[in-house]
Amino acid sequence: MPRPPSIPLPFHPLPTTSSRYLAHRRLLQAPLRPCLAASSAPLSSTCSSPKAPRSFSSATPASKSQPFARANTNRLGQAPENRYSNTMTVANRATSFDEYLTTHRNGHDGTHSPHPQSMDFDTSFDEAARRALGIKGLVPPAIENYSKQEKRCLEQINLKGTSIDRYSYLSNLRNTNCNLFYRLLIDNMRELTPYVYTPVVGEACLKWSHIYEHPEGLYLSYSDRGNLHEVIANWPQENVEITVITDGSRILGLGDLGVNGMGIPVGKLALYTACAGIHPERTLPITIDFGTDNEEFLNDDLYMGARHKRVSENEQREFMDEMMVALNDRWRNIVVQFEDFKSPFWSLDRYRNTYTVFNDDIQGTGAVILGGVISAFKRAHLPINEQKLVFMGAGSAAVGVAKQICGLFIRNGIPEAEAKKMIWLVDSRGLVTNDRGDKLAEHKLYFSRDDNEGQQFKSLEQVVDYVKPTALVGLCTIGGVFTEPIVRKMAELNENPIIFPLSNPSSKSECTFEQAMEWTNNKVVFASGSPFPSVTVDGVEKIPGQGNNMYVFPGIGLGTILCGASHVTDEMIYASAAGLAESLTPEEIEKEWLYPELSRIREVSVVIARDVIRAAQKEGIDRNKLLQFLSDEGLEEYIREKMYDPKVPRIGSRSASEEGSPRGRSHL
């Protein structure tokens, strides 16, 4: 008697050395299992214009004559073969239902493969779907709606005893049922985001080599130089449109983590999907292994990176030149976001006019803080030309934010020479001045003071006494540096002091929301980089603003992809900040919020993407010219239609329950 097939271990749709797997995935040319569990387009629809109508009769069963299209192919990142299509969409590459099952069931060599993939094991599939996928009997008989799935997931999360356990649970869910993961995240954005990205991702990176279970991105080692085309060709997804790249040299405020920094691009791209609807199979996390100078990791038996010191900057440049060519050879005009590089300016300057790149630490951080600053200035009721900002921290992120705010001053009619004099930088040696006696890093020179009349101020407290600022911005990763005397001094100087402790993770934050409220007698205009609990004042709950980059970078990426921008310009970044400030509702403004409610993040991303597209159009760098003919309302609708929506598909004669569907319903 032949042995029955064994049930496979969970399958992860990630890079593998299996030639059969790679050939199978490339044959399909489009997301299959993850998309199947997220179909929100008609199974036989085609796309021909930004406003193409869509229709589907739920009473029509799948049959041999019914074409079965790959799920959701008229949405962003779910099947366009040609990046240069004017509407960013092409007709679905439909097959018959039998052909689909034959392709899914058989390997590329025609041999029978009896095993379903792990993403087939979704308890929301109805009887027809279970028969079609060959999973009847392999999942419990109950057909569940999303509400029950969500309840079970949240119960399991609550049973986890530590933050890292919750991170690992969500990571596993993303890799085994990504559509359920994204529905869960979208519907519980405020509660779950800290476990997907900051602050818990910092702990995950520190422990990455110890909690590693399966590959989640592409590792490019310095030893692969000269062969990067071959390595990059191993990534199984054919239609990547955006990548986040780190070299692990400065992860959050934690320093050089080497390949353990992979948690950053993985988490960042999860937010691109959840917040802006970029399909997960169109995203690519990359970590470059240049070595590490972290002795603890070099001496750790379980460390998974190269065991040597970091290579020189010249060697890094040569490697990245090869990498950028290889990436664009495979995925023409891929959007590249650099993240957590110790020296981020050179790569941005080197590639920004050749490729479609931006740096979130410099530009994204600057944009999200600028958006909050615009709202904060309105709350403080002080004219822009009277603002004076002190930055504690003079690294790349701080200078990036300062330049964005300086740009705001210039756009409001203040000459550049005066605008940059409205900003003071403080680093570990004190106020940054031309005559301080040390050699300043190049990026600090723009804001270095020449009007200090020979005086040197060695501490933040001295600088606050000297400048009498209206706003205090922290990006130094020194926890608690905004001390009680400093914050109380700010309250004496200003009716509504603006205090932005922006360092991540929360342990590195310059002060907490509770402290800022107490020390300013509840007058503070506050935003932080990490989440803090609310404070109740006279029976009214005060919710702190969180200037998290996730408010802007998803919309920047989405808008850049949809309009086919050849570059990401300063005007596009500024547009994202202005769009963020504009996205506040009257109710949120009345509550004195600086940032929108996280549950509205997908709608915020629509506004930001719209403004980014308009900025690209004004500069003439958009390739998708048809979008120029849409009104703002039409453009917003077009953007919504292109966003991946992780909903359960209609398979067979009826659909799974849509109860509990996230915002941004598909038009079925």
Foldseek 3Di string as FASTA:
>chain_A
DDDDDDADDADFLWFDPDPQSLVLLVVVQWDALLQQQFAQAEQQDFDDALPDDGDHDLQDFADQPHWGFGGLQQFARTHDPDLLPLQSHGTTPTDHLVVVLQSQQATPVSHGRLYAHLSLQDLQDDPQSCVSRVCVVVHDPHRDFLVVVLVVLVVVLVPDDDLQVSLVSLVVCCRRHVLSSLLNCLLVVVPCLCSLAPPVLVVCLLCVLPSDDDDDAQEAELVCPVPLLVSVVSTRNQAAAEEEEEQQQFQFPPGRSGPSSLSHRSSLVSLLCNQQQNDSSNYGYYYYGQDDPPVVLLPDPRNDGDNDHGDDPVSVVSRVVVNVVSVCVRHPQREYEYERDQDPPVVCVVPQVPGAYDYCLQLLLLLLVLLLVVLVCVVQVDDPLPAAEEEEDDGRNRLSNLVSSLVVVVVVPDDSVSSLQSYWYAYQQGTAAPPPPDDDDPSRVSNHDPPPVPDTGGAPQSVCVVRVGQEYAYDHLAAQSCDLVNLLSNLVSGVEREYEQEGDDPRSGNYAPVSSCVSNVNRYQYEYQYADAWDADPNDTQGGHYSHSSLFPSLLSLLCSSQVFRGQDSQLSNLSSVLQNVPADPVCVVSVYSGHDSSCSNVSSLSSSLSSNVSSVVVPRGSSVVLVPDDSVSSSSSSLSNRRFSHGDSHGSRTRDCPSGGPSRRDD
